[in-house]
Amino acid sequence: MRRIITITVIVLVVLGVGGFVWYTWPRDREPEVVIPPQEEEPIETTRTYTSTSLGYSLTYPLAYTQSDHTYEFSPTKNIEGGFKVTVPVALATGTNLSSDSYLAIEQLPNARNCTGDIFLTANVKASDTTEGGVTYSVASSTEAAAGNHYEEWVWALNDSTPCTAVRYYIHSSTDATGTAEFNHEVLLQEFNSIRQSLRKI
């Protein structure tokens, strides 16, 4: 009887030790699959337009619309060959700002002195200002007619050849009943930011 008990105990011990060894024995584990984090693609908020004919590129918000540009300087003279970016319709909606307001790049190849006033029909004087290491000749004019207000700024690169300038054309209504006054300061800041992106190619 003792032998049976002894054998039973030995068998149980062996089974217990064997089970423990089997359970704790290191095994070849399948390598963990490491999934690399997915890089989020940056959301584009701007677009760059390059004009090989003018030799310049410009970066502007996606909501703006780029197109060719001709400025009617007088009944007999136009500034041609440029391009412009027009403000988004959504920016003008509900305000007295007209959706034909724009920022344009223009050139006067035959200009002797590249100053801002030569791009305007009004008799105005230009003044030099340096911004971000770039010297501009700046001129501006305003005009009112039949309930409309026209404001223009010209930032000429006075060392450029041919003479190149950035024009701000801001058209608003002076009798737009039921509409809010557009934020003039914010629009100028946005135009300034676009102008500062101008690069020679």
N, C-alpha and C. Protein backbone atom coordinates (compact mmCIF):
# COMPACT_ATOMS: atom_id res chain seq x y z
N MET A 1 0.84 -1.20 0.00
CA MET A 1 0.00 0.00 0.00
C MET A 1 0.87 1.25 0.00
N ARG A 2 1.94 1.16 0.82
CA ARG A 2 2.84 2.31 0.88
C ARG A 2 3.50 2.55 -0.46
N ARG A 3 3.84 1.43 -1.12
CA ARG A 3 4.47 1.57 -2.44
C ARG A 3 3.54 2.29 -3.41
N ILE A 4 2.26 1.94 -3.34
CA ILE A 4 1.28 2.57 -4.26
C ILE A 4 1.19 4.06 -3.97
N ILE A 5 1.15 4.38 -2.65
CA ILE A 5 1.07 5.79 -2.27
C ILE A 5 2.32 6.53 -2.70
N THR A 6 3.48 5.89 -2.47
CA THR A 6 4.75 6.51 -2.83
C THR A 6 4.83 6.76 -4.33
N ILE A 7 4.45 5.69 -5.08
CA ILE A 7 4.48 5.83 -6.54
C ILE A 7 3.53 6.93 -6.99
N THR A 8 2.37 6.99 -6.39
CA THR A 8 1.37 8.02 -6.76
C THR A 8 1.91 9.41 -6.48
N VAL A 9 2.55 9.58 -5.31
CA VAL A 9 3.13 10.88 -4.96
C VAL A 9 4.21 11.28 -5.95
N ILE A 10 5.08 10.28 -6.27
CA ILE A 10 6.17 10.55 -7.22
C ILE A 10 5.60 10.96 -8.57
N VAL A 11 4.58 10.22 -9.01
CA VAL A 11 3.97 10.54 -10.31
C VAL A 11 3.38 11.95 -10.30
N LEU A 12 2.71 12.29 -9.19
CA LEU A 12 2.10 13.62 -9.09
C LEU A 12 3.17 14.72 -9.09
N VAL A 13 4.27 14.45 -8.35
CA VAL A 13 5.36 15.43 -8.30
C VAL A 13 5.96 15.62 -9.68
N VAL A 14 6.21 14.48 -10.36
CA VAL A 14 6.80 14.54 -11.71
C VAL A 14 5.88 15.31 -12.65
N LEU A 15 4.58 14.99 -12.57
CA LEU A 15 3.63 15.70 -13.43
C LEU A 15 3.59 17.19 -13.11
N GLY A 16 3.63 17.48 -11.80
CA GLY A 16 3.61 18.89 -11.40
C GLY A 16 4.83 19.64 -11.87
N VAL A 17 6.02 19.02 -11.65
CA VAL A 17 7.25 19.66 -12.10
C VAL A 17 7.28 19.79 -13.61
N GLY A 18 6.83 18.74 -14.29
CA GLY A 18 6.81 18.77 -15.75
C GLY A 18 5.87 19.85 -16.27
N GLY A 19 4.72 19.95 -15.62
CA GLY A 19 3.77 20.99 -16.05
C GLY A 19 4.32 22.38 -15.84
N PHE A 20 5.00 22.55 -14.66
CA PHE A 20 5.57 23.87 -14.37
C PHE A 20 6.65 24.23 -15.38
N VAL A 21 7.53 23.24 -15.66
CA VAL A 21 8.59 23.48 -16.63
C VAL A 21 8.02 23.78 -18.00
N TRP A 22 6.99 23.01 -18.38
CA TRP A 22 6.38 23.22 -19.71
C TRP A 22 5.75 24.61 -19.81
N TYR A 23 5.12 25.05 -18.73
CA TYR A 23 4.42 26.32 -18.74
C TYR A 23 5.38 27.51 -18.75
N THR A 24 6.51 27.34 -18.03
CA THR A 24 7.44 28.47 -17.89
C THR A 24 8.59 28.44 -18.88
N TRP A 25 8.73 27.34 -19.63
CA TRP A 25 9.85 27.21 -20.56
C TRP A 25 9.73 28.26 -21.69
N PRO A 26 10.79 29.01 -21.96
CA PRO A 26 10.70 30.05 -23.02
C PRO A 26 10.43 29.42 -24.38
N ARG A 27 9.55 30.02 -25.10
CA ARG A 27 9.18 29.52 -26.42
C ARG A 27 9.53 30.58 -27.47
N ASP A 28 9.65 30.11 -28.66
CA ASP A 28 9.86 31.05 -29.77
C ASP A 28 8.53 31.75 -30.07
N ARG A 29 8.45 33.01 -29.67
CA ARG A 29 7.21 33.74 -29.90
C ARG A 29 7.25 34.42 -31.27
N GLU A 30 6.10 34.53 -31.84
CA GLU A 30 6.01 35.23 -33.11
C GLU A 30 6.31 36.71 -32.87
N PRO A 31 7.14 37.27 -33.72
CA PRO A 31 7.48 38.68 -33.52
C PRO A 31 6.24 39.57 -33.59
N GLU A 32 6.22 40.53 -32.70
CA GLU A 32 5.09 41.44 -32.71
C GLU A 32 5.13 42.31 -33.96
N VAL A 33 3.97 42.46 -34.55
CA VAL A 33 3.87 43.30 -35.74
C VAL A 33 3.74 44.75 -35.29
N VAL A 34 4.75 45.53 -35.64
CA VAL A 34 4.74 46.94 -35.27
C VAL A 34 4.19 47.75 -36.45
N ILE A 35 3.06 48.37 -36.23
CA ILE A 35 2.45 49.18 -37.29
C ILE A 35 2.96 50.61 -37.14
N PRO A 36 3.71 51.06 -38.14
CA PRO A 36 4.24 52.43 -38.01
C PRO A 36 3.10 53.43 -38.02
N PRO A 37 3.26 54.50 -37.25
CA PRO A 37 2.20 55.52 -37.23
C PRO A 37 2.03 56.16 -38.60
N GLN A 38 0.79 56.33 -38.99
CA GLN A 38 0.53 56.93 -40.28
C GLN A 38 0.74 58.44 -40.22
N GLU A 39 1.55 58.90 -41.17
CA GLU A 39 1.81 60.33 -41.21
C GLU A 39 0.64 61.03 -41.87
N GLU A 40 0.12 62.01 -41.18
CA GLU A 40 -0.98 62.77 -41.74
C GLU A 40 -0.46 63.72 -42.80
N GLU A 41 -1.09 63.68 -43.97
CA GLU A 41 -0.69 64.58 -45.03
C GLU A 41 -1.12 66.00 -44.66
N PRO A 42 -0.19 66.94 -44.81
CA PRO A 42 -0.56 68.33 -44.47
C PRO A 42 -1.69 68.83 -45.36
N ILE A 43 -2.58 69.57 -44.75
CA ILE A 43 -3.70 70.12 -45.50
C ILE A 43 -3.23 71.38 -46.22
N GLU A 44 -3.38 71.38 -47.52
CA GLU A 44 -2.94 72.53 -48.29
C GLU A 44 -3.90 73.68 -48.10
N THR A 45 -3.36 74.83 -47.81
CA THR A 45 -4.18 76.03 -47.63
C THR A 45 -3.82 77.12 -48.64
N THR A 46 -2.72 76.90 -49.37
CA THR A 46 -2.30 77.90 -50.34
C THR A 46 -1.95 77.24 -51.67
N ARG A 47 -1.86 78.07 -52.68
CA ARG A 47 -1.46 77.61 -54.01
C ARG A 47 -0.43 78.62 -54.54
N THR A 48 0.52 78.13 -55.31
CA THR A 48 1.53 79.00 -55.91
C THR A 48 1.36 79.04 -57.41
N TYR A 49 1.31 80.24 -57.94
CA TYR A 49 1.22 80.42 -59.39
C TYR A 49 2.53 81.01 -59.89
N THR A 50 3.04 80.44 -60.97
CA THR A 50 4.28 80.92 -61.56
C THR A 50 4.02 81.43 -62.96
N SER A 51 4.42 82.66 -63.21
CA SER A 51 4.28 83.26 -64.54
C SER A 51 5.65 83.32 -65.20
N THR A 52 5.87 82.48 -66.19
CA THR A 52 7.16 82.49 -66.87
C THR A 52 7.32 83.74 -67.72
N SER A 53 6.20 84.31 -68.17
CA SER A 53 6.29 85.53 -68.99
C SER A 53 6.71 86.73 -68.15
N LEU A 54 6.22 86.81 -66.92
CA LEU A 54 6.61 87.91 -66.04
C LEU A 54 7.89 87.59 -65.26
N GLY A 55 8.15 86.29 -65.06
CA GLY A 55 9.35 85.90 -64.32
C GLY A 55 9.18 85.94 -62.83
N TYR A 56 7.92 85.78 -62.36
CA TYR A 56 7.64 85.83 -60.92
C TYR A 56 6.66 84.73 -60.53
N SER A 57 6.73 84.35 -59.26
CA SER A 57 5.74 83.42 -58.70
C SER A 57 5.09 84.09 -57.49
N LEU A 58 3.87 83.64 -57.17
CA LEU A 58 3.11 84.24 -56.09
C LEU A 58 2.32 83.15 -55.38
N THR A 59 2.31 83.19 -54.06
CA THR A 59 1.55 82.22 -53.27
C THR A 59 0.34 82.92 -52.65
N TYR A 60 -0.82 82.28 -52.76
CA TYR A 60 -2.05 82.91 -52.29
C TYR A 60 -2.99 81.86 -51.70
N PRO A 61 -3.96 82.27 -50.87
CA PRO A 61 -4.90 81.30 -50.28
C PRO A 61 -5.70 80.56 -51.34
N LEU A 62 -6.03 79.29 -51.06
CA LEU A 62 -6.76 78.47 -52.02
C LEU A 62 -8.08 79.08 -52.44
N ALA A 63 -8.71 79.82 -51.55
CA ALA A 63 -10.04 80.36 -51.84
C ALA A 63 -9.99 81.46 -52.90
N TYR A 64 -8.82 82.04 -53.13
CA TYR A 64 -8.69 83.07 -54.16
C TYR A 64 -8.71 82.44 -55.55
N THR A 65 -9.06 83.24 -56.57
CA THR A 65 -9.10 82.76 -57.94
C THR A 65 -8.05 83.48 -58.77
N GLN A 66 -7.19 82.71 -59.42
CA GLN A 66 -6.13 83.30 -60.23
C GLN A 66 -6.60 83.41 -61.69
N SER A 67 -6.24 84.49 -62.36
CA SER A 67 -6.59 84.66 -63.78
C SER A 67 -5.64 85.67 -64.42
N ASP A 68 -5.69 85.73 -65.76
CA ASP A 68 -4.90 86.74 -66.47
C ASP A 68 -5.45 88.12 -66.14
N HIS A 69 -4.64 89.12 -66.39
CA HIS A 69 -5.03 90.47 -65.94
C HIS A 69 -4.59 91.53 -66.93
N THR A 70 -5.51 92.43 -67.23
CA THR A 70 -5.22 93.63 -67.99
C THR A 70 -5.80 94.82 -67.23
N TYR A 71 -5.01 95.83 -67.04
CA TYR A 71 -5.48 97.02 -66.31
C TYR A 71 -5.70 98.15 -67.30
N GLU A 72 -6.93 98.67 -67.33
CA GLU A 72 -7.24 99.78 -68.24
C GLU A 72 -6.71 101.07 -67.64
N PHE A 73 -5.58 101.48 -68.13
CA PHE A 73 -4.92 102.67 -67.60
C PHE A 73 -5.58 103.94 -68.13
N SER A 74 -6.00 103.90 -69.38
CA SER A 74 -6.70 105.02 -70.02
C SER A 74 -7.42 104.45 -71.23
N PRO A 75 -8.29 105.22 -71.87
CA PRO A 75 -8.99 104.71 -73.07
C PRO A 75 -8.04 104.28 -74.18
N THR A 76 -6.81 104.76 -74.15
CA THR A 76 -5.88 104.43 -75.23
C THR A 76 -4.68 103.61 -74.76
N LYS A 77 -4.61 103.32 -73.47
CA LYS A 77 -3.42 102.64 -72.95
C LYS A 77 -3.82 101.63 -71.87
N ASN A 78 -3.35 100.42 -71.99
CA ASN A 78 -3.59 99.37 -71.01
C ASN A 78 -2.27 98.81 -70.49
N ILE A 79 -2.32 98.30 -69.27
CA ILE A 79 -1.19 97.54 -68.75
C ILE A 79 -1.56 96.08 -68.94
N GLU A 80 -0.87 95.38 -69.81
CA GLU A 80 -1.24 94.02 -70.17
C GLU A 80 -0.17 93.02 -69.74
N GLY A 81 -0.55 91.74 -69.84
CA GLY A 81 0.42 90.68 -69.62
C GLY A 81 0.61 90.27 -68.19
N GLY A 82 -0.21 90.81 -67.28
CA GLY A 82 -0.06 90.44 -65.87
C GLY A 82 -1.00 89.34 -65.45
N PHE A 83 -1.06 89.09 -64.15
CA PHE A 83 -2.03 88.14 -63.62
C PHE A 83 -2.52 88.65 -62.28
N LYS A 84 -3.68 88.16 -61.86
CA LYS A 84 -4.28 88.63 -60.61
C LYS A 84 -4.88 87.48 -59.85
N VAL A 85 -5.10 87.72 -58.55
CA VAL A 85 -5.85 86.78 -57.71
C VAL A 85 -7.02 87.58 -57.11
N THR A 86 -8.23 87.09 -57.35
CA THR A 86 -9.43 87.79 -56.93
C THR A 86 -9.92 87.25 -55.60
N VAL A 87 -10.45 88.15 -54.78
CA VAL A 87 -10.89 87.75 -53.44
C VAL A 87 -11.99 86.70 -53.54
N PRO A 88 -12.11 85.81 -52.55
CA PRO A 88 -13.18 84.80 -52.55
C PRO A 88 -14.56 85.47 -52.45
N VAL A 89 -15.52 84.90 -53.14
CA VAL A 89 -16.89 85.41 -53.08
C VAL A 89 -17.37 85.39 -51.63
N ALA A 90 -17.00 84.33 -50.89
CA ALA A 90 -17.44 84.20 -49.50
C ALA A 90 -16.93 85.35 -48.64
N LEU A 91 -15.76 85.90 -48.99
CA LEU A 91 -15.21 87.00 -48.22
C LEU A 91 -16.03 88.27 -48.39
N ALA A 92 -16.60 88.44 -49.57
CA ALA A 92 -17.38 89.65 -49.86
C ALA A 92 -18.85 89.50 -49.49
N THR A 93 -19.36 88.28 -49.49
CA THR A 93 -20.78 88.05 -49.23
C THR A 93 -21.21 88.62 -47.88
N GLY A 94 -22.29 89.37 -47.91
CA GLY A 94 -22.82 89.95 -46.68
C GLY A 94 -22.15 91.24 -46.25
N THR A 95 -21.16 91.68 -47.04
CA THR A 95 -20.47 92.94 -46.73
C THR A 95 -20.58 93.87 -47.93
N ASN A 96 -20.08 95.08 -47.76
CA ASN A 96 -20.09 96.04 -48.87
C ASN A 96 -18.87 95.91 -49.77
N LEU A 97 -18.03 94.89 -49.53
CA LEU A 97 -16.87 94.64 -50.39
C LEU A 97 -17.34 93.98 -51.68
N SER A 98 -16.85 94.46 -52.80
CA SER A 98 -17.20 93.86 -54.08
C SER A 98 -16.29 92.67 -54.37
N SER A 99 -16.87 91.62 -54.96
CA SER A 99 -16.11 90.40 -55.23
C SER A 99 -15.16 90.56 -56.42
N ASP A 100 -15.11 91.75 -57.04
CA ASP A 100 -14.13 91.96 -58.11
C ASP A 100 -12.84 92.59 -57.57
N SER A 101 -12.71 92.71 -56.27
CA SER A 101 -11.48 93.22 -55.66
C SER A 101 -10.36 92.20 -55.85
N TYR A 102 -9.15 92.68 -56.04
CA TYR A 102 -8.08 91.74 -56.37
C TYR A 102 -6.71 92.30 -56.00
N LEU A 103 -5.72 91.41 -56.10
CA LEU A 103 -4.31 91.77 -56.04
C LEU A 103 -3.70 91.31 -57.36
N ALA A 104 -2.93 92.19 -58.01
CA ALA A 104 -2.39 91.86 -59.33
C ALA A 104 -0.89 92.12 -59.41
N ILE A 105 -0.24 91.39 -60.31
CA ILE A 105 1.16 91.61 -60.63
C ILE A 105 1.20 92.22 -62.03
N GLU A 106 1.87 93.37 -62.16
CA GLU A 106 1.91 94.08 -63.43
C GLU A 106 3.34 94.51 -63.75
N GLN A 107 3.57 94.80 -65.05
CA GLN A 107 4.89 95.28 -65.46
C GLN A 107 4.75 96.40 -66.49
N LEU A 108 5.66 97.35 -66.40
CA LEU A 108 5.78 98.41 -67.40
C LEU A 108 7.21 98.34 -67.95
N PRO A 109 7.38 97.59 -69.06
CA PRO A 109 8.74 97.35 -69.57
C PRO A 109 9.50 98.61 -69.97
N ASN A 110 8.79 99.66 -70.37
CA ASN A 110 9.48 100.86 -70.88
C ASN A 110 9.69 101.95 -69.83
N ALA A 111 9.40 101.61 -68.58
CA ALA A 111 9.53 102.63 -67.53
C ALA A 111 11.00 102.97 -67.28
N ARG A 112 11.28 104.28 -67.21
CA ARG A 112 12.65 104.71 -66.92
C ARG A 112 12.93 104.60 -65.42
N ASN A 113 11.98 105.07 -64.62
CA ASN A 113 12.09 104.97 -63.17
C ASN A 113 10.93 104.13 -62.66
N CYS A 114 11.23 103.08 -61.93
CA CYS A 114 10.18 102.16 -61.47
C CYS A 114 9.62 102.66 -60.14
N THR A 115 8.57 103.45 -60.24
CA THR A 115 7.92 104.00 -59.05
C THR A 115 6.43 103.68 -59.07
N GLY A 116 5.82 103.67 -57.90
CA GLY A 116 4.43 103.27 -57.80
C GLY A 116 3.46 104.20 -58.49
N ASP A 117 3.76 105.49 -58.56
CA ASP A 117 2.82 106.45 -59.12
C ASP A 117 2.57 106.27 -60.61
N ILE A 118 3.53 105.70 -61.35
CA ILE A 118 3.34 105.57 -62.80
C ILE A 118 2.33 104.49 -63.15
N PHE A 119 1.91 103.70 -62.16
CA PHE A 119 0.89 102.68 -62.39
C PHE A 119 -0.52 103.20 -62.10
N LEU A 120 -0.62 104.46 -61.66
CA LEU A 120 -1.92 105.03 -61.29
C LEU A 120 -2.25 106.21 -62.18
N THR A 121 -3.53 106.37 -62.49
CA THR A 121 -3.96 107.50 -63.30
C THR A 121 -4.04 108.77 -62.46
N ALA A 122 -4.27 108.62 -61.16
CA ALA A 122 -4.37 109.79 -60.29
C ALA A 122 -3.01 110.47 -60.15
N ASN A 123 -3.05 111.77 -59.93
CA ASN A 123 -1.82 112.54 -59.76
C ASN A 123 -1.37 112.41 -58.30
N VAL A 124 -0.59 111.39 -58.03
CA VAL A 124 -0.15 111.12 -56.66
C VAL A 124 1.37 111.00 -56.64
N LYS A 125 1.94 111.09 -55.45
CA LYS A 125 3.37 110.93 -55.27
C LYS A 125 3.67 109.60 -54.59
N ALA A 126 4.76 109.00 -54.99
CA ALA A 126 5.18 107.73 -54.39
C ALA A 126 6.24 107.99 -53.33
N SER A 127 6.31 107.09 -52.39
CA SER A 127 7.35 107.17 -51.35
C SER A 127 7.97 105.79 -51.17
N ASP A 128 9.24 105.77 -50.84
CA ASP A 128 9.96 104.50 -50.68
C ASP A 128 9.76 103.95 -49.27
N THR A 129 9.64 102.64 -49.22
CA THR A 129 9.59 101.96 -47.92
C THR A 129 10.29 100.62 -48.07
N THR A 130 10.99 100.21 -47.02
CA THR A 130 11.70 98.93 -47.04
C THR A 130 11.03 97.97 -46.09
N GLU A 131 10.77 96.78 -46.58
CA GLU A 131 10.06 95.77 -45.79
C GLU A 131 10.66 94.40 -46.08
N GLY A 132 11.14 93.74 -45.05
CA GLY A 132 11.72 92.41 -45.23
C GLY A 132 12.91 92.41 -46.18
N GLY A 133 13.67 93.49 -46.18
CA GLY A 133 14.84 93.57 -47.04
C GLY A 133 14.53 93.97 -48.47
N VAL A 134 13.26 94.23 -48.77
CA VAL A 134 12.84 94.63 -50.12
C VAL A 134 12.41 96.09 -50.09
N THR A 135 12.91 96.89 -51.03
CA THR A 135 12.53 98.29 -51.10
C THR A 135 11.44 98.48 -52.15
N TYR A 136 10.35 99.08 -51.73
CA TYR A 136 9.23 99.35 -52.62
C TYR A 136 9.06 100.86 -52.79
N SER A 137 8.51 101.22 -53.94
CA SER A 137 8.02 102.57 -54.15
C SER A 137 6.50 102.46 -54.10
N VAL A 138 5.89 103.08 -53.08
CA VAL A 138 4.47 102.86 -52.80
C VAL A 138 3.66 104.12 -53.12
N ALA A 139 2.55 103.91 -53.81
CA ALA A 139 1.63 105.00 -54.11
C ALA A 139 0.21 104.48 -53.97
N SER A 140 -0.71 105.38 -53.64
CA SER A 140 -2.10 104.96 -53.48
C SER A 140 -3.04 106.06 -53.94
N SER A 141 -4.26 105.66 -54.27
CA SER A 141 -5.27 106.63 -54.67
C SER A 141 -6.64 106.10 -54.30
N THR A 142 -7.59 107.00 -54.13
CA THR A 142 -8.98 106.63 -53.86
C THR A 142 -9.88 107.44 -54.78
N GLU A 143 -11.02 106.84 -55.10
CA GLU A 143 -11.98 107.51 -55.98
C GLU A 143 -13.37 107.05 -55.61
N ALA A 144 -14.32 107.95 -55.68
CA ALA A 144 -15.72 107.62 -55.40
C ALA A 144 -16.56 108.00 -56.60
N ALA A 145 -17.51 107.12 -56.94
CA ALA A 145 -18.38 107.40 -58.08
C ALA A 145 -19.64 106.56 -57.99
N ALA A 146 -20.78 107.20 -58.06
CA ALA A 146 -22.08 106.54 -58.15
C ALA A 146 -22.26 105.46 -57.09
N GLY A 147 -22.00 105.81 -55.84
CA GLY A 147 -22.20 104.86 -54.75
C GLY A 147 -21.11 103.82 -54.61
N ASN A 148 -20.01 104.00 -55.31
CA ASN A 148 -18.90 103.05 -55.24
C ASN A 148 -17.63 103.74 -54.75
N HIS A 149 -16.82 102.97 -54.08
CA HIS A 149 -15.54 103.49 -53.58
C HIS A 149 -14.43 102.60 -54.12
N TYR A 150 -13.43 103.23 -54.75
CA TYR A 150 -12.32 102.50 -55.35
C TYR A 150 -11.03 102.93 -54.67
N GLU A 151 -10.33 101.97 -54.14
CA GLU A 151 -9.05 102.22 -53.47
C GLU A 151 -7.97 101.39 -54.15
N GLU A 152 -6.87 102.02 -54.49
CA GLU A 152 -5.78 101.30 -55.14
C GLU A 152 -4.46 101.61 -54.43
N TRP A 153 -3.68 100.55 -54.28
CA TRP A 153 -2.32 100.66 -53.75
C TRP A 153 -1.40 100.01 -54.77
N VAL A 154 -0.27 100.64 -55.03
CA VAL A 154 0.73 100.05 -55.92
C VAL A 154 2.06 99.99 -55.19
N TRP A 155 2.60 98.77 -55.13
CA TRP A 155 3.90 98.54 -54.51
C TRP A 155 4.87 98.16 -55.63
N ALA A 156 5.63 99.14 -56.10
CA ALA A 156 6.56 98.89 -57.20
C ALA A 156 7.93 98.48 -56.65
N LEU A 157 8.51 97.47 -57.29
CA LEU A 157 9.86 97.04 -56.93
C LEU A 157 10.83 97.95 -57.68
N ASN A 158 11.32 98.99 -57.00
CA ASN A 158 12.00 100.05 -57.75
C ASN A 158 13.36 99.66 -58.31
N ASP A 159 13.85 98.46 -58.01
CA ASP A 159 15.10 98.01 -58.64
C ASP A 159 14.84 96.88 -59.64
N SER A 160 13.57 96.68 -60.01
CA SER A 160 13.23 95.57 -60.91
C SER A 160 13.35 95.98 -62.37
N THR A 161 13.72 95.02 -63.21
CA THR A 161 13.80 95.22 -64.64
C THR A 161 13.23 93.98 -65.34
N PRO A 162 12.13 94.13 -66.09
CA PRO A 162 11.34 95.35 -66.27
C PRO A 162 10.64 95.77 -64.98
N CYS A 163 10.16 96.99 -64.98
CA CYS A 163 9.52 97.54 -63.78
C CYS A 163 8.30 96.70 -63.40
N THR A 164 8.33 96.14 -62.21
CA THR A 164 7.28 95.22 -61.74
C THR A 164 6.63 95.80 -60.49
N ALA A 165 5.31 95.63 -60.41
CA ALA A 165 4.58 96.17 -59.26
C ALA A 165 3.45 95.24 -58.86
N VAL A 166 3.06 95.37 -57.59
CA VAL A 166 1.90 94.65 -57.05
C VAL A 166 0.80 95.68 -56.82
N ARG A 167 -0.36 95.44 -57.39
CA ARG A 167 -1.48 96.37 -57.25
C ARG A 167 -2.55 95.76 -56.34
N TYR A 168 -3.03 96.54 -55.38
CA TYR A 168 -4.22 96.19 -54.61
C TYR A 168 -5.38 96.99 -55.20
N TYR A 169 -6.42 96.31 -55.58
CA TYR A 169 -7.62 96.99 -56.09
C TYR A 169 -8.77 96.61 -55.17
N ILE A 170 -9.27 97.58 -54.42
CA ILE A 170 -10.32 97.32 -53.43
C ILE A 170 -11.55 98.13 -53.81
N HIS A 171 -12.58 97.42 -54.21
CA HIS A 171 -13.82 98.04 -54.66
C HIS A 171 -14.90 97.75 -53.62
N SER A 172 -15.55 98.79 -53.14
CA SER A 172 -16.62 98.61 -52.16
C SER A 172 -17.78 99.54 -52.48
N SER A 173 -18.94 99.24 -51.90
CA SER A 173 -20.13 100.05 -52.11
C SER A 173 -20.32 101.00 -50.94
N THR A 174 -20.73 102.22 -51.25
CA THR A 174 -20.96 103.20 -50.18
C THR A 174 -22.43 103.30 -49.79
N ASP A 175 -23.30 102.61 -50.54
CA ASP A 175 -24.73 102.66 -50.21
C ASP A 175 -25.36 101.27 -50.24
N ALA A 176 -24.60 100.28 -49.74
CA ALA A 176 -25.10 98.90 -49.72
C ALA A 176 -25.95 98.69 -48.47
N THR A 177 -27.23 98.96 -48.61
CA THR A 177 -28.15 98.85 -47.48
C THR A 177 -28.27 97.41 -47.02
N GLY A 178 -28.21 97.23 -45.69
CA GLY A 178 -28.40 95.90 -45.13
C GLY A 178 -27.16 95.03 -45.14
N THR A 179 -26.03 95.57 -45.51
CA THR A 179 -24.79 94.80 -45.50
C THR A 179 -23.82 95.39 -44.49
N ALA A 180 -22.91 94.56 -44.03
CA ALA A 180 -21.93 95.00 -43.04
C ALA A 180 -20.72 95.63 -43.72
N GLU A 181 -20.06 96.49 -43.00
CA GLU A 181 -18.82 97.09 -43.50
C GLU A 181 -17.73 96.02 -43.48
N PHE A 182 -17.05 95.84 -44.62
CA PHE A 182 -15.99 94.81 -44.65
C PHE A 182 -14.82 95.26 -43.78
N ASN A 183 -14.05 94.27 -43.32
CA ASN A 183 -12.92 94.56 -42.43
C ASN A 183 -11.72 94.97 -43.29
N HIS A 184 -11.55 96.27 -43.40
CA HIS A 184 -10.51 96.84 -44.26
C HIS A 184 -9.11 96.42 -43.80
N GLU A 185 -8.88 96.45 -42.50
CA GLU A 185 -7.56 96.13 -41.97
C GLU A 185 -7.19 94.67 -42.24
N VAL A 186 -8.15 93.77 -42.05
CA VAL A 186 -7.89 92.35 -42.29
C VAL A 186 -7.59 92.09 -43.77
N LEU A 187 -8.33 92.74 -44.66
CA LEU A 187 -8.09 92.57 -46.09
C LEU A 187 -6.70 93.07 -46.47
N LEU A 188 -6.30 94.23 -45.96
CA LEU A 188 -4.96 94.74 -46.25
C LEU A 188 -3.88 93.80 -45.73
N GLN A 189 -4.09 93.24 -44.56
CA GLN A 189 -3.12 92.30 -44.00
C GLN A 189 -2.99 91.06 -44.89
N GLU A 190 -4.12 90.59 -45.40
CA GLU A 190 -4.09 89.41 -46.27
C GLU A 190 -3.40 89.75 -47.58
N PHE A 191 -3.70 90.90 -48.14
CA PHE A 191 -3.02 91.32 -49.37
C PHE A 191 -1.52 91.49 -49.12
N ASN A 192 -1.16 92.06 -47.98
CA ASN A 192 0.26 92.21 -47.65
C ASN A 192 0.96 90.86 -47.60
N SER A 193 0.31 89.88 -46.99
CA SER A 193 0.89 88.55 -46.88
C SER A 193 1.10 87.92 -48.26
N ILE A 194 0.14 88.11 -49.15
CA ILE A 194 0.28 87.59 -50.52
C ILE A 194 1.42 88.30 -51.23
N ARG A 195 1.47 89.63 -51.11
CA ARG A 195 2.54 90.40 -51.76
C ARG A 195 3.91 89.95 -51.29
N GLN A 196 4.04 89.68 -50.01
CA GLN A 196 5.34 89.29 -49.46
C GLN A 196 5.81 87.93 -49.95
N SER A 197 4.90 87.16 -50.56
CA SER A 197 5.29 85.85 -51.10
C SER A 197 5.85 85.95 -52.50
N LEU A 198 5.82 87.15 -53.11
CA LEU A 198 6.29 87.33 -54.49
C LEU A 198 7.76 86.95 -54.59
N ARG A 199 8.07 86.10 -55.56
CA ARG A 199 9.45 85.65 -55.76
C ARG A 199 9.82 85.73 -57.24
N LYS A 200 11.03 86.17 -57.50
CA LYS A 200 11.54 86.19 -58.88
C LYS A 200 12.04 84.79 -59.23
N ILE A 201 11.71 84.32 -60.43
CA ILE A 201 12.12 82.97 -60.84
C ILE A 201 13.24 83.02 -61.88
